C-alpha atoms as a PDB file:
ATOM      1  CA  UNK A   1       0.000   0.000   0.000  1.00  0.00           C
ATOM      2  CA  UNK A   2       1.104   3.569  -0.565  1.00  0.00           C
ATOM      3  CA  UNK A   3       1.746   5.941   2.327  1.00  0.00           C
ATOM      4  CA  UNK A   4      -1.674   6.837   3.760  1.00  0.00           C
ATOM      5  CA  UNK A   5      -3.088  10.345   3.966  1.00  0.00           C
ATOM      6  CA  UNK A   6      -2.846  10.885   7.715  1.00  0.00           C
ATOM      7  CA  UNK A   7      -4.392  13.749   9.674  1.00  0.00           C
ATOM      8  CA  UNK A   8      -1.170  15.231  11.058  1.00  0.00           C
ATOM      9  CA  UNK A   9      -0.081  18.756  11.990  1.00  0.00           C
ATOM     10  CA  UNK A  10       3.581  18.245  12.901  1.00  0.00           C
ATOM     11  CA  UNK A  11       4.535  15.548  10.376  1.00  0.00           C
ATOM     12  CA  UNK A  12       4.293  14.772   6.717  1.00  0.00           C
ATOM     13  CA  UNK A  13       4.465  11.147   5.579  1.00  0.00           C
ATOM     14  CA  UNK A  14       5.387  10.479   1.967  1.00  0.00           C
ATOM     15  CA  UNK A  15       6.219   7.396  -0.058  1.00  0.00           C
ATOM     16  CA  UNK A  16       9.666   7.926  -1.542  1.00  0.00           C
ATOM     17  CA  UNK A  17       9.587   4.603  -3.393  1.00  0.00           C
ATOM     18  CA  UNK A  18       7.565   1.376  -3.196  1.00  0.00           C
ATOM     19  CA  UNK A  19       7.922   0.038   0.348  1.00  0.00           C
ATOM     20  CA  UNK A  20       9.817   3.136   1.538  1.00  0.00           C
ATOM     21  CA  UNK A  21       8.184   5.901   3.607  1.00  0.00           C
ATOM     22  CA  UNK A  22       9.627   9.129   4.958  1.00  0.00           C
ATOM     23  CA  UNK A  23       8.104  10.776   8.034  1.00  0.00           C
ATOM     24  CA  UNK A  24       9.343  14.359   8.362  1.00  0.00           C
ATOM     25  CA  UNK A  25       8.962  16.283  11.627  1.00  0.00           C
ATOM     26  CA  UNK A  26       8.312  20.020  11.394  1.00  0.00           C
ATOM     27  CA  UNK A  27       7.337  21.867  14.576  1.00  0.00           C
ATOM     28  CA  UNK A  28       8.782  25.398  14.414  1.00  0.00           C
ATOM     29  CA  UNK A  29      10.758  27.097  15.663  1.00  0.00           C
ATOM     30  CA  UNK A  30      12.927  24.439  17.326  1.00  0.00           C
ATOM     31  CA  UNK A  31      11.137  21.095  16.932  1.00  0.00           C
ATOM     32  CA  UNK A  32      10.225  20.787  20.598  1.00  0.00           C
ATOM     33  CA  UNK A  33       8.219  17.655  21.327  1.00  0.00           C
ATOM     34  CA  UNK A  34       4.870  17.765  23.117  1.00  0.00           C
ATOM     35  CA  UNK A  35       1.724  15.677  23.561  1.00  0.00           C
ATOM     36  CA  UNK A  36       0.727  16.292  19.927  1.00  0.00           C
ATOM     37  CA  UNK A  37       4.106  14.998  18.759  1.00  0.00           C
ATOM     38  CA  UNK A  38       3.664  11.820  20.792  1.00  0.00           C
ATOM     39  CA  UNK A  39       0.108  11.313  19.537  1.00  0.00           C
ATOM     40  CA  UNK A  40       1.087  11.816  15.895  1.00  0.00           C
ATOM     41  CA  UNK A  41       4.059   9.477  16.227  1.00  0.00           C
ATOM     42  CA  UNK A  42       1.600   6.856  17.463  1.00  0.00           C
ATOM     43  CA  UNK A  43      -0.589   7.516  14.398  1.00  0.00           C
ATOM     44  CA  UNK A  44       2.412   6.972  12.120  1.00  0.00           C
ATOM     45  CA  UNK A  45       3.374   3.724  13.849  1.00  0.00           C
ATOM     46  CA  UNK A  46      -0.266   2.577  13.717  1.00  0.00           C
ATOM     47  CA  UNK A  47      -0.230   3.112   9.949  1.00  0.00           C
ATOM     48  CA  UNK A  48       3.157   1.420   9.559  1.00  0.00           C
ATOM     49  CA  UNK A  49       1.913  -1.655  11.416  1.00  0.00           C
ATOM     50  CA  UNK A  50      -1.057  -1.907   9.046  1.00  0.00           C
ATOM     51  CA  UNK A  51       0.971  -1.428   5.861  1.00  0.00           C
ATOM     52  CA  UNK A  52       1.299  -4.751   4.084  1.00  0.00           C
ATOM     53  CA  UNK A  53       4.326  -3.848   1.956  1.00  0.00           C
ATOM     54  CA  UNK A  54       6.333  -1.392   4.069  1.00  0.00           C
ATOM     55  CA  UNK A  55      10.007  -2.288   4.259  1.00  0.00           C
ATOM     56  CA  UNK A  56      11.689   0.966   5.340  1.00  0.00           C
ATOM     57  CA  UNK A  57      10.563   3.940   7.461  1.00  0.00           C
ATOM     58  CA  UNK A  58      12.893   6.963   7.647  1.00  0.00           C
ATOM     59  CA  UNK A  59      12.377   9.605  10.333  1.00  0.00           C
ATOM     60  CA  UNK A  60      13.875  12.996   9.538  1.00  0.00           C
ATOM     61  CA  UNK A  61      13.366  16.692  10.211  1.00  0.00           C
ATOM     62  CA  UNK A  62      12.534  19.753   8.156  1.00  0.00           C
ATOM     63  CA  UNK A  63      14.734  21.813  10.512  1.00  0.00           C
ATOM     64  CA  UNK A  64      18.463  21.396   9.891  1.00  0.00           C
ATOM     65  CA  UNK A  65      19.336  22.644  13.405  1.00  0.00           C
ATOM     66  CA  UNK A  66      16.963  20.319  15.279  1.00  0.00           C
ATOM     67  CA  UNK A  67      16.051  16.675  14.642  1.00  0.00           C
ATOM     68  CA  UNK A  68      13.694  16.190  17.595  1.00  0.00           C
ATOM     69  CA  UNK A  69      14.997  18.796  20.013  1.00  0.00           C
ATOM     70  CA  UNK A  70      13.658  17.521  23.362  1.00  0.00           C
ATOM     71  CA  UNK A  71      10.379  17.310  25.223  1.00  0.00           C
ATOM     72  CA  UNK A  72       8.887  20.697  26.090  1.00  0.00           C
ATOM     73  CA  UNK A  73       8.620  20.561  29.890  1.00  0.00           C
ATOM     74  CA  UNK A  74       6.501  23.723  29.884  1.00  0.00           C
ATOM     75  CA  UNK A  75       3.819  21.784  27.987  1.00  0.00           C
ATOM     76  CA  UNK A  76       3.102  19.542  30.980  1.00  0.00           C
ATOM     77  CA  UNK A  77       3.544  15.774  31.250  1.00  0.00           C
ATOM     78  CA  UNK A  78       3.005  13.409  28.369  1.00  0.00           C
ATOM     79  CA  UNK A  79      -0.285  11.494  28.305  1.00  0.00           C
ATOM     80  CA  UNK A  80       0.123   8.327  30.344  1.00  0.00           C
ATOM     81  CA  UNK A  81      -2.724   6.309  28.827  1.00  0.00           C
ATOM     82  CA  UNK A  82      -1.376   2.870  27.909  1.00  0.00           C
ATOM     83  CA  UNK A  83      -1.147   1.633  24.350  1.00  0.00           C
ATOM     84  CA  UNK A  84      -1.332  -1.920  23.003  1.00  0.00           C
ATOM     85  CA  UNK A  85       1.901  -2.881  24.794  1.00  0.00           C
ATOM     86  CA  UNK A  86       0.510  -1.732  28.152  1.00  0.00           C
ATOM     87  CA  UNK A  87       3.189   0.976  28.333  1.00  0.00           C
ATOM     88  CA  UNK A  88       2.484   4.734  28.464  1.00  0.00           C
ATOM     89  CA  UNK A  89       1.967   6.548  25.154  1.00  0.00           C
ATOM     90  CA  UNK A  90       5.539   7.504  24.196  1.00  0.00           C
ATOM     91  CA  UNK A  91       7.111   4.258  25.403  1.00  0.00           C
ATOM     92  CA  UNK A  92       4.367   2.258  23.745  1.00  0.00           C
ATOM     93  CA  UNK A  93       5.087   3.998  20.437  1.00  0.00           C
ATOM     94  CA  UNK A  94       8.864   3.539  20.591  1.00  0.00           C
ATOM     95  CA  UNK A  95       8.605  -0.119  21.606  1.00  0.00           C
ATOM     96  CA  UNK A  96       6.224  -0.762  18.724  1.00  0.00           C
ATOM     97  CA  UNK A  97       8.564   1.136  16.375  1.00  0.00           C
ATOM     98  CA  UNK A  98      11.393  -1.175  17.423  1.00  0.00           C
ATOM     99  CA  UNK A  99       9.172  -4.203  16.821  1.00  0.00           C
ATOM    100  CA  UNK A 100       7.925  -3.153  13.363  1.00  0.00           C
ATOM    101  CA  UNK A 101       8.737  -5.684  10.642  1.00  0.00           C
ATOM    102  CA  UNK A 102       9.973  -2.705   8.607  1.00  0.00           C
ATOM    103  CA  UNK A 103      13.464  -1.298   9.140  1.00  0.00           C
ATOM    104  CA  UNK A 104      13.394   2.132  10.808  1.00  0.00           C
ATOM    105  CA  UNK A 105      16.124   4.707  10.166  1.00  0.00           C
ATOM    106  CA  UNK A 106      16.786   7.977  12.010  1.00  0.00           C
ATOM    107  CA  UNK A 107      18.347  10.708   9.851  1.00  0.00           C
ATOM    108  CA  UNK A 108      19.827  12.988  12.508  1.00  0.00           C
ATOM    109  CA  UNK A 109      20.798  16.475  11.465  1.00  0.00           C
ATOM    110  CA  UNK A 110      20.962  18.958  14.317  1.00  0.00           C
ATOM    111  CA  UNK A 111      20.019  18.350  17.937  1.00  0.00           C
ATOM    112  CA  UNK A 112      18.454  15.139  19.259  1.00  0.00           C
ATOM    113  CA  UNK A 113      18.074  15.372  23.008  1.00  0.00           C
ATOM    114  CA  UNK A 114      15.845  13.822  25.654  1.00  0.00           C
ATOM    115  CA  UNK A 115      12.814  12.291  23.988  1.00  0.00           C
ATOM    116  CA  UNK A 116      14.335  13.085  20.595  1.00  0.00           C
ATOM    117  CA  UNK A 117      17.361  10.959  21.363  1.00  0.00           C
ATOM    118  CA  UNK A 118      15.122   8.243  22.817  1.00  0.00           C
ATOM    119  CA  UNK A 119      13.123   8.177  19.590  1.00  0.00           C
ATOM    120  CA  UNK A 120      16.326   7.868  17.574  1.00  0.00           C
ATOM    121  CA  UNK A 121      17.496   5.039  19.837  1.00  0.00           C
ATOM    122  CA  UNK A 122      14.264   3.164  19.149  1.00  0.00           C
ATOM    123  CA  UNK A 123      15.069   3.173  15.429  1.00  0.00           C
ATOM    124  CA  UNK A 124      16.988   0.255  13.991  1.00  0.00           C
ATOM    125  CA  UNK A 125      19.642   2.409  12.313  1.00  0.00           C
ATOM    126  CA  UNK A 126      20.857   5.904  13.216  1.00  0.00           C
ATOM    127  CA  UNK A 127      22.890   8.047  10.835  1.00  0.00           C
ATOM    128  CA  UNK A 128      24.029  11.527  11.839  1.00  0.00           C
ATOM    129  CA  UNK A 129      25.502  14.627  10.222  1.00  0.00           C
ATOM    130  CA  UNK A 130      29.129  14.874  11.295  1.00  0.00           C
ATOM    131  CA  UNK A 131      29.188  18.672  11.478  1.00  0.00           C
ATOM    132  CA  UNK A 132      25.787  19.388  13.020  1.00  0.00           C
ATOM    133  CA  UNK A 133      24.358  16.436  14.945  1.00  0.00           C
ATOM    134  CA  UNK A 134      24.213  16.754  18.735  1.00  0.00           C
ATOM    135  CA  UNK A 135      22.840  14.035  21.025  1.00  0.00           C
ATOM    136  CA  UNK A 136      22.147  14.011  24.730  1.00  0.00           C
ATOM    137  CA  UNK A 137      19.937  13.168  27.667  1.00  0.00           C
ATOM    138  CA  UNK A 138      19.617  16.468  29.599  1.00  0.00           C
ATOM    139  CA  UNK A 139      17.048  15.299  32.166  1.00  0.00           C
ATOM    140  CA  UNK A 140      19.461  15.462  35.114  1.00  0.00           C
ATOM    141  CA  UNK A 141      19.409  19.252  34.801  1.00  0.00           C
ATOM    142  CA  UNK A 142      15.714  19.190  35.722  1.00  0.00           C
ATOM    143  CA  UNK A 143      16.300  16.750  38.609  1.00  0.00           C
ATOM    144  CA  UNK A 144      14.864  13.939  36.466  1.00  0.00           C
ATOM    145  CA  UNK A 145      16.202  10.842  34.729  1.00  0.00           C
ATOM    146  CA  UNK A 146      15.589   9.663  31.163  1.00  0.00           C
ATOM    147  CA  UNK A 147      12.205   7.950  31.333  1.00  0.00           C
ATOM    148  CA  UNK A 148      11.453   7.257  27.683  1.00  0.00           C
ATOM    149  CA  UNK A 149      13.776   4.330  27.074  1.00  0.00           C
ATOM    150  CA  UNK A 150      17.079   6.199  26.914  1.00  0.00           C
ATOM    151  CA  UNK A 151      18.747   4.334  29.767  1.00  0.00           C
ATOM    152  CA  UNK A 152      17.551   0.922  28.644  1.00  0.00           C
ATOM    153  CA  UNK A 153      18.659   1.412  25.035  1.00  0.00           C
ATOM    154  CA  UNK A 154      21.950   3.204  25.695  1.00  0.00           C
ATOM    155  CA  UNK A 155      23.474   0.578  27.992  1.00  0.00           C
ATOM    156  CA  UNK A 156      23.675  -2.260  25.421  1.00  0.00           C
ATOM    157  CA  UNK A 157      24.898   0.178  22.769  1.00  0.00           C
ATOM    158  CA  UNK A 158      27.594   2.121  24.608  1.00  0.00           C
ATOM    159  CA  UNK A 159      28.158   0.222  27.866  1.00  0.00           C
ATOM    160  CA  UNK A 160      27.421   0.900  31.522  1.00  0.00           C
ATOM    161  CA  UNK A 161      30.006   3.584  32.277  1.00  0.00           C
ATOM    162  CA  UNK A 162      29.335   5.645  29.172  1.00  0.00           C
ATOM    163  CA  UNK A 163      25.565   5.390  29.660  1.00  0.00           C
ATOM    164  CA  UNK A 164      26.055   6.565  33.226  1.00  0.00           C
ATOM    165  CA  UNK A 165      28.215   9.438  31.973  1.00  0.00           C
ATOM    166  CA  UNK A 166      25.474  10.491  29.547  1.00  0.00           C
ATOM    167  CA  UNK A 167      22.756  10.291  32.211  1.00  0.00           C
ATOM    168  CA  UNK A 168      24.510  12.030  35.103  1.00  0.00           C
ATOM    169  CA  UNK A 169      26.284  14.836  33.203  1.00  0.00           C
ATOM    170  CA  UNK A 170      23.537  15.991  30.826  1.00  0.00           C
ATOM    171  CA  UNK A 171      26.323  16.833  28.379  1.00  0.00           C
ATOM    172  CA  UNK A 172      25.967  17.197  24.630  1.00  0.00           C
ATOM    173  CA  UNK A 173      27.753  14.678  22.407  1.00  0.00           C
ATOM    174  CA  UNK A 174      28.809  15.377  18.837  1.00  0.00           C
ATOM    175  CA  UNK A 175      28.419  12.880  16.019  1.00  0.00           C
ATOM    176  CA  UNK A 176      32.054  11.796  16.021  1.00  0.00           C
ATOM    177  CA  UNK A 177      31.927  10.906  19.712  1.00  0.00           C
ATOM    178  CA  UNK A 178      28.528   9.224  19.316  1.00  0.00           C
ATOM    179  CA  UNK A 179      29.923   7.149  16.448  1.00  0.00           C
ATOM    180  CA  UNK A 180      32.969   6.198  18.527  1.00  0.00           C
ATOM    181  CA  UNK A 181      30.730   5.153  21.424  1.00  0.00           C
ATOM    182  CA  UNK A 182      28.432   3.070  19.198  1.00  0.00           C
ATOM    183  CA  UNK A 183      25.491   5.375  19.966  1.00  0.00           C
ATOM    184  CA  UNK A 184      24.859   5.956  16.241  1.00  0.00           C
ATOM    185  CA  UNK A 185      25.416   3.580  13.363  1.00  0.00           C
ATOM    186  CA  UNK A 186      27.620   5.955  11.364  1.00  0.00           C
ATOM    187  CA  UNK A 187      28.354   9.649  10.909  1.00  0.00           C
ATOM    188  CA  UNK A 188      28.513  11.278   7.487  1.00  0.00           C
ATOM    189  CA  UNK A 189      29.372  14.755   6.240  1.00  0.00           C
ATOM    190  CA  UNK A 190      26.147  16.727   6.161  1.00  0.00           C
ATOM    191  CA  UNK A 191      26.364  17.035   2.382  1.00  0.00           C
ATOM    192  CA  UNK A 192      26.340  13.231   2.051  1.00  0.00           C
ATOM    193  CA  UNK A 193      23.890  12.256   4.795  1.00  0.00           C
ATOM    194  CA  UNK A 194      20.552  12.469   2.976  1.00  0.00           C
ATOM    195  CA  UNK A 195      21.899  10.852  -0.175  1.00  0.00           C
ATOM    196  CA  UNK A 196      23.430   7.943   1.732  1.00  0.00           C
ATOM    197  CA  UNK A 197      20.233   7.262   3.658  1.00  0.00           C
ATOM    198  CA  UNK A 198      18.058   7.526   0.561  1.00  0.00           C
ATOM    199  CA  UNK A 199      20.258   5.076  -1.344  1.00  0.00           C
ATOM    200  CA  UNK A 200      20.360   2.724   1.650  1.00  0.00           C
ATOM    201  CA  UNK A 201      16.581   2.875   2.109  1.00  0.00           C
ATOM    202  CA  UNK A 202      15.965   2.143  -1.561  1.00  0.00           C
ATOM    203  CA  UNK A 203      18.389  -0.792  -1.416  1.00  0.00           C
ATOM    204  CA  UNK A 204      16.672  -2.262   1.663  1.00  0.00           C
ATOM    205  CA  UNK A 205      13.221  -1.666   0.152  1.00  0.00           C
ATOM    206  CA  UNK A 206      14.222  -3.763  -2.876  1.00  0.00           C
ATOM    207  CA  UNK A 207      14.801  -6.879  -0.754  1.00  0.00           C
ATOM    208  CA  UNK A 208      12.362  -9.600   0.283  1.00  0.00           C
ATOM    209  CA  UNK A 209       9.972  -8.320   2.955  1.00  0.00           C
ATOM    210  CA  UNK A 210       9.773 -11.590   4.880  1.00  0.00           C
ATOM    211  CA  UNK A 211      13.557 -11.930   5.014  1.00  0.00           C
ATOM    212  CA  UNK A 212      13.956  -8.361   6.287  1.00  0.00           C
ATOM    213  CA  UNK A 213      11.338  -8.904   8.983  1.00  0.00           C
ATOM    214  CA  UNK A 214      12.901 -12.221  10.034  1.00  0.00           C
ATOM    215  CA  UNK A 215      16.388 -10.712  10.302  1.00  0.00           C
ATOM    216  CA  UNK A 216      15.084  -7.916  12.514  1.00  0.00           C
ATOM    217  CA  UNK A 217      12.973 -10.244  14.680  1.00  0.00           C
ATOM    218  CA  UNK A 218      15.868 -12.638  15.272  1.00  0.00           C
ATOM    219  CA  UNK A 219      18.272  -9.830  16.204  1.00  0.00           C
ATOM    220  CA  UNK A 220      15.635  -8.332  18.518  1.00  0.00           C
ATOM    221  CA  UNK A 221      15.560 -11.580  20.523  1.00  0.00           C
ATOM    222  CA  UNK A 222      18.784 -10.669  22.274  1.00  0.00           C
ATOM    223  CA  UNK A 223      18.894  -6.876  21.956  1.00  0.00           C
ATOM    224  CA  UNK A 224      15.462  -5.493  22.886  1.00  0.00           C
ATOM    225  CA  UNK A 225      15.278  -4.248  26.500  1.00  0.00           C
ATOM    226  CA  UNK A 226      12.819  -5.681  28.993  1.00  0.00           C
ATOM    227  CA  UNK A 227       9.524  -3.774  28.970  1.00  0.00           C
ATOM    228  CA  UNK A 228       9.394  -3.970  32.764  1.00  0.00           C
ATOM    229  CA  UNK A 229      12.597  -1.898  32.835  1.00  0.00           C
ATOM    230  CA  UNK A 230      11.014   0.725  30.577  1.00  0.00           C
ATOM    231  CA  UNK A 231       8.068   1.023  32.934  1.00  0.00           C
ATOM    232  CA  UNK A 232      10.330   1.284  35.976  1.00  0.00           C
ATOM    233  CA  UNK A 233      12.195   4.229  34.435  1.00  0.00           C
ATOM    234  CA  UNK A 234       8.935   5.942  33.518  1.00  0.00           C
ATOM    235  CA  UNK A 235       7.678   5.569  37.084  1.00  0.00           C
ATOM    236  CA  UNK A 236      10.962   6.877  38.500  1.00  0.00           C
ATOM    237  CA  UNK A 237      10.690   9.942  36.274  1.00  0.00           C
ATOM    238  CA  UNK A 238       7.121  10.589  37.438  1.00  0.00           C
ATOM    239  CA  UNK A 239       8.170  10.243  41.079  1.00  0.00           C
ATOM    240  CA  UNK A 240      11.074  12.652  40.615  1.00  0.00           C
ATOM    241  CA  UNK A 241       8.795  15.150  38.835  1.00  0.00           C
ATOM    242  CA  UNK A 242       6.576  15.132  41.947  1.00  0.00           C
ATOM    243  CA  UNK A 243       9.551  15.401  44.288  1.00  0.00           C
ATOM    244  CA  UNK A 244      11.150  18.437  45.925  1.00  0.00           C
ATOM    245  CA  UNK A 245      14.038  18.857  43.484  1.00  0.00           C
ATOM    246  CA  UNK A 246      12.158  19.205  40.216  1.00  0.00           C
ATOM    247  CA  UNK A 247      10.641  22.690  40.482  1.00  0.00           C
ATOM    248  CA  UNK A 248      13.784  24.467  41.762  1.00  0.00           C
ATOM    249  CA  UNK A 249      15.915  22.778  39.081  1.00  0.00           C
ATOM    250  CA  UNK A 250      13.418  23.695  36.388  1.00  0.00           C
ATOM    251  CA  UNK A 251      13.363  27.320  37.542  1.00  0.00           C
ATOM    252  CA  UNK A 252      17.150  27.517  37.361  1.00  0.00           C
ATOM    253  CA  UNK A 253      17.036  26.252  33.788  1.00  0.00           C
ATOM    254  CA  UNK A 254      14.278  28.695  32.877  1.00  0.00           C
ATOM    255  CA  UNK A 255      16.261  31.577  34.341  1.00  0.00           C
ATOM    256  CA  UNK A 256      19.316  30.536  32.343  1.00  0.00           C
ATOM    257  CA  UNK A 257      17.209  30.254  29.176  1.00  0.00           C
ATOM    258  CA  UNK A 258      15.903  33.779  29.697  1.00  0.00           C
ATOM    259  CA  UNK A 259      19.439  35.095  30.177  1.00  0.00           C
ATOM    260  CA  UNK A 260      20.914  33.553  27.043  1.00  0.00           C
ATOM    261  CA  UNK A 261      17.918  33.382  24.688  1.00  0.00           C
ATOM    262  CA  UNK A 262      18.053  31.126  21.641  1.00  0.00           C
ATOM    263  CA  UNK A 263      21.538  29.895  22.506  1.00  0.00           C
ATOM    264  CA  UNK A 264      20.066  27.867  25.377  1.00  0.00           C
ATOM    265  CA  UNK A 265      18.678  25.155  23.090  1.00  0.00           C
ATOM    266  CA  UNK A 266      21.562  25.393  20.653  1.00  0.00           C
ATOM    267  CA  UNK A 267      24.123  24.688  23.401  1.00  0.00           C
ATOM    268  CA  UNK A 268      21.999  23.088  26.108  1.00  0.00           C
ATOM    269  CA  UNK A 269      24.697  20.756  27.391  1.00  0.00           C
ATOM    270  CA  UNK A 270      26.803  23.758  28.402  1.00  0.00           C
ATOM    271  CA  UNK A 271      23.924  25.813  29.774  1.00  0.00           C
ATOM    272  CA  UNK A 272      22.622  23.019  32.023  1.00  0.00           C
ATOM    273  CA  UNK A 273      25.940  23.038  33.836  1.00  0.00           C
ATOM    274  CA  UNK A 274      26.149  26.826  33.853  1.00  0.00           C
ATOM    275  CA  UNK A 275      22.663  27.153  35.357  1.00  0.00           C
ATOM    276  CA  UNK A 276      23.468  24.886  38.279  1.00  0.00           C
ATOM    277  CA  UNK A 277      27.021  26.062  38.893  1.00  0.00           C
ATOM    278  CA  UNK A 278      26.354  29.804  38.795  1.00  0.00           C
ATOM    279  CA  UNK A 279      26.498  31.769  42.096  1.00  0.00           C
ATOM    280  CA  UNK A 280      22.702  32.151  41.973  1.00  0.00           C
ATOM    281  CA  UNK A 281      22.086  28.395  41.800  1.00  0.00           C
END
């Protein structure tokens, strides 16, 4: 089937070739994620699950500075209603994305932090622009922990100590470091990224659908995290958000964002540390 006409406000879904869809995120000005983003991602995964000939799904962004920037904490918590997996909305969607018979590819140009990085981690393959891609889990700056699958997916990819480094520092990581760690599949010069992914997607889409699905299912047997662990992280995040540290930490970050303006999201890894280490912290 061709890519369906979906009722979406933050995404466009187009069929680039038979069996190959592209879902492009566009939420100006900085591609912050919110409840609408999560709901529309679920709609896209719903459609992908129903597609009888889908082999490749590429997630990309219309904004070259931001892939999926992060979750917008000012928008309130994500809906917690469970999906078919029994997990809350965002986790349900990413777990189902990982389980799709189709191969999912994240085309990361610009920043992918928090939920944006967790979405990329749920994809089967992650390719990033060497000059512009930035990845991170900044939740510690808000007195939270990654609760959308980041911890569970990072550990098998980059190891315990590096995953702990990512979680407890809130630092930004460039594409070269992410490639070295095993966080992304490969980094490419920005001028080559889209072309490489398009050629790769077309190649994969030309192969037998059943063989592709079997290869992914068999690899998933030993690489997919336990869903109980996902739920435990989500609950820990909710408990921390209701705890005494969250509001003061969030206010420090908001104050820093007001001081520096647009640079806050461009260089968030630095500003998280600056907000908490300043004399006013």
